[in-house]
Amino acid sequence: MLDRESVTEDRASAVYKASIYTTTEVFVYRAVLGLDGTAAIEVEGEEASEADGKQLTNIAKSTARAAKRKLDEDLPPWPPRILRWRAPR
């Protein structure tokens, strides 16, 4: 889950609190997303598995890439919350 914490005044980037929930633990990250499609992910505490961390990074980058298209269409680029996850195959 990604919860938006702030957006820059020019809407070029947004900061999200990112959380990975398992059946027994919660892993917390900070994600800074940019309109250029970048996603800088920082661990805040214990790190999740490599597979879960990779999936979080992919979701964050996808959100960042979509933000530019939304802004070009005069839509709000940074959603307040993203609830998206798939179990490993």
C-alpha atoms as a PDB file:
ATOM      1  CA  MET A   1       0.000   0.000   0.000  1.00  0.00           C
ATOM      2  CA  LEU A   2       1.200   3.508  -0.773  1.00  0.00           C
ATOM      3  CA  ASP A   3      -0.215   6.473   1.164  1.00  0.00           C
ATOM      4  CA  ARG A   4       0.661   9.905  -0.183  1.00  0.00           C
ATOM      5  CA  GLU A   5       2.273  12.185   2.388  1.00  0.00           C
ATOM      6  CA  SER A   6       3.153  15.223   0.268  1.00  0.00           C
ATOM      7  CA  VAL A   7       3.416  16.633  -3.251  1.00  0.00           C
ATOM      8  CA  THR A   8       5.844  19.325  -4.359  1.00  0.00           C
ATOM      9  CA  GLU A   9       4.326  22.676  -5.266  1.00  0.00           C
ATOM     10  CA  ASP A  10       5.108  22.161  -8.963  1.00  0.00           C
ATOM     11  CA  ARG A  11       3.649  18.605  -8.761  1.00  0.00           C
ATOM     12  CA  ALA A  12       6.927  17.176 -10.125  1.00  0.00           C
ATOM     13  CA  SER A  13       7.253  14.645  -7.314  1.00  0.00           C
ATOM     14  CA  ALA A  14       5.392  13.086  -4.428  1.00  0.00           C
ATOM     15  CA  VAL A  15       6.385  11.350  -1.205  1.00  0.00           C
ATOM     16  CA  TYR A  16       4.549   8.207  -0.138  1.00  0.00           C
ATOM     17  CA  LYS A  17       4.619   6.021   2.940  1.00  0.00           C
ATOM     18  CA  ALA A  18       4.813   2.527   1.508  1.00  0.00           C
ATOM     19  CA  SER A  19       3.824  -0.530   3.515  1.00  0.00           C
ATOM     20  CA  ILE A  20       4.106  -4.220   2.763  1.00  0.00           C
ATOM     21  CA  TYR A  21       1.746  -6.351   4.835  1.00  0.00           C
ATOM     22  CA  THR A  22       2.267 -10.051   5.398  1.00  0.00           C
ATOM     23  CA  THR A  23       0.250 -12.359   7.620  1.00  0.00           C
ATOM     24  CA  THR A  24       2.641 -11.715  10.510  1.00  0.00           C
ATOM     25  CA  GLU A  25       4.548  -8.479   9.824  1.00  0.00           C
ATOM     26  CA  VAL A  26       4.398  -4.980   8.386  1.00  0.00           C
ATOM     27  CA  PHE A  27       7.380  -3.519   6.538  1.00  0.00           C
ATOM     28  CA  VAL A  28       7.495   0.260   6.144  1.00  0.00           C
ATOM     29  CA  TYR A  29       9.259   2.223   3.420  1.00  0.00           C
ATOM     30  CA  ARG A  30       9.406   5.806   2.169  1.00  0.00           C
ATOM     31  CA  ALA A  31       9.016   6.273  -1.576  1.00  0.00           C
ATOM     32  CA  VAL A  32       9.814   9.444  -3.506  1.00  0.00           C
ATOM     33  CA  LEU A  33       8.233   9.315  -6.964  1.00  0.00           C
ATOM     34  CA  GLY A  34       9.035  11.662  -9.839  1.00  0.00           C
ATOM     35  CA  LEU A  35       7.257  12.630 -13.050  1.00  0.00           C
ATOM     36  CA  ASP A  36      10.292  11.308 -14.921  1.00  0.00           C
ATOM     37  CA  GLY A  37       9.300   7.783 -13.848  1.00  0.00           C
ATOM     38  CA  THR A  38      11.797   7.463 -11.017  1.00  0.00           C
ATOM     39  CA  ALA A  39      11.049   5.886  -7.664  1.00  0.00           C
ATOM     40  CA  ALA A  40      13.519   6.147  -4.792  1.00  0.00           C
ATOM     41  CA  ILE A  41      12.622   3.619  -2.096  1.00  0.00           C
ATOM     42  CA  GLU A  42      14.086   3.862   1.425  1.00  0.00           C
ATOM     43  CA  VAL A  43      13.630   1.242   4.138  1.00  0.00           C
ATOM     44  CA  GLU A  44      12.290   2.499   7.458  1.00  0.00           C
ATOM     45  CA  GLY A  45      13.032  -0.380   9.814  1.00  0.00           C
ATOM     46  CA  GLU A  46      13.223  -4.037   8.864  1.00  0.00           C
ATOM     47  CA  GLU A  47      13.372  -4.887   5.167  1.00  0.00           C
ATOM     48  CA  ALA A  48      10.848  -7.190   3.474  1.00  0.00           C
ATOM     49  CA  SER A  49      11.851 -10.118   1.283  1.00  0.00           C
ATOM     50  CA  GLU A  50      13.670  -9.361  -1.950  1.00  0.00           C
ATOM     51  CA  ALA A  51      10.630 -10.426  -4.006  1.00  0.00           C
ATOM     52  CA  ASP A  52       8.264  -8.173  -2.044  1.00  0.00           C
ATOM     53  CA  GLY A  53      10.708  -5.254  -2.243  1.00  0.00           C
ATOM     54  CA  LYS A  54      11.013  -5.704  -5.993  1.00  0.00           C
ATOM     55  CA  GLN A  55       7.238  -5.736  -6.374  1.00  0.00           C
ATOM     56  CA  LEU A  56       6.951  -2.529  -4.322  1.00  0.00           C
ATOM     57  CA  THR A  57       9.554  -0.880  -6.555  1.00  0.00           C
ATOM     58  CA  ASN A  58       7.677  -1.968  -9.688  1.00  0.00           C
ATOM     59  CA  ILE A  59       4.377  -0.572  -8.396  1.00  0.00           C
ATOM     60  CA  ALA A  60       6.059   2.705  -7.401  1.00  0.00           C
ATOM     61  CA  LYS A  61       7.721   3.094 -10.819  1.00  0.00           C
ATOM     62  CA  SER A  62       4.459   2.291 -12.605  1.00  0.00           C
ATOM     63  CA  THR A  63       2.694   4.956 -10.542  1.00  0.00           C
ATOM     64  CA  ALA A  64       5.414   7.486 -11.348  1.00  0.00           C
ATOM     65  CA  ARG A  65       5.230   6.783 -15.087  1.00  0.00           C
ATOM     66  CA  ALA A  66       1.426   7.112 -15.042  1.00  0.00           C
ATOM     67  CA  ALA A  67       1.632  10.454 -13.211  1.00  0.00           C
ATOM     68  CA  LYS A  68       3.155  12.201 -16.237  1.00  0.00           C
ATOM     69  CA  ARG A  69       0.371  10.979 -18.510  1.00  0.00           C
ATOM     70  CA  LYS A  70      -2.275  12.067 -16.000  1.00  0.00           C
ATOM     71  CA  LEU A  71      -0.743  15.529 -15.681  1.00  0.00           C
ATOM     72  CA  ASP A  72      -0.679  15.869 -19.486  1.00  0.00           C
ATOM     73  CA  GLU A  73      -4.432  15.168 -19.458  1.00  0.00           C
ATOM     74  CA  ASP A  74      -5.088  17.762 -16.710  1.00  0.00           C
ATOM     75  CA  LEU A  75      -5.817  15.050 -14.149  1.00  0.00           C
ATOM     76  CA  PRO A  76      -4.373  14.910 -10.623  1.00  0.00           C
ATOM     77  CA  PRO A  77      -1.038  13.103 -11.141  1.00  0.00           C
ATOM     78  CA  TRP A  78      -0.486  11.669  -7.674  1.00  0.00           C
ATOM     79  CA  PRO A  79      -3.234   9.443  -6.217  1.00  0.00           C
ATOM     80  CA  PRO A  80      -3.792   9.744  -2.457  1.00  0.00           C
ATOM     81  CA  ARG A  81      -3.629   5.969  -1.924  1.00  0.00           C
ATOM     82  CA  ILE A  82      -2.630   2.936  -3.945  1.00  0.00           C
ATOM     83  CA  LEU A  83      -3.818  -0.490  -2.859  1.00  0.00           C
ATOM     84  CA  ARG A  84      -2.391  -2.938  -5.342  1.00  0.00           C
ATOM     85  CA  TRP A  85      -0.625  -6.184  -4.755  1.00  0.00           C
ATOM     86  CA  ARG A  86      -0.375  -9.623  -6.306  1.00  0.00           C
ATOM     87  CA  ALA A  87       0.709 -12.783  -4.630  1.00  0.00           C
ATOM     88  CA  PRO A  88       3.879 -14.350  -6.038  1.00  0.00           C
ATOM     89  CA  ARG A  89       3.293 -16.917  -8.759  1.00  0.00           C
END
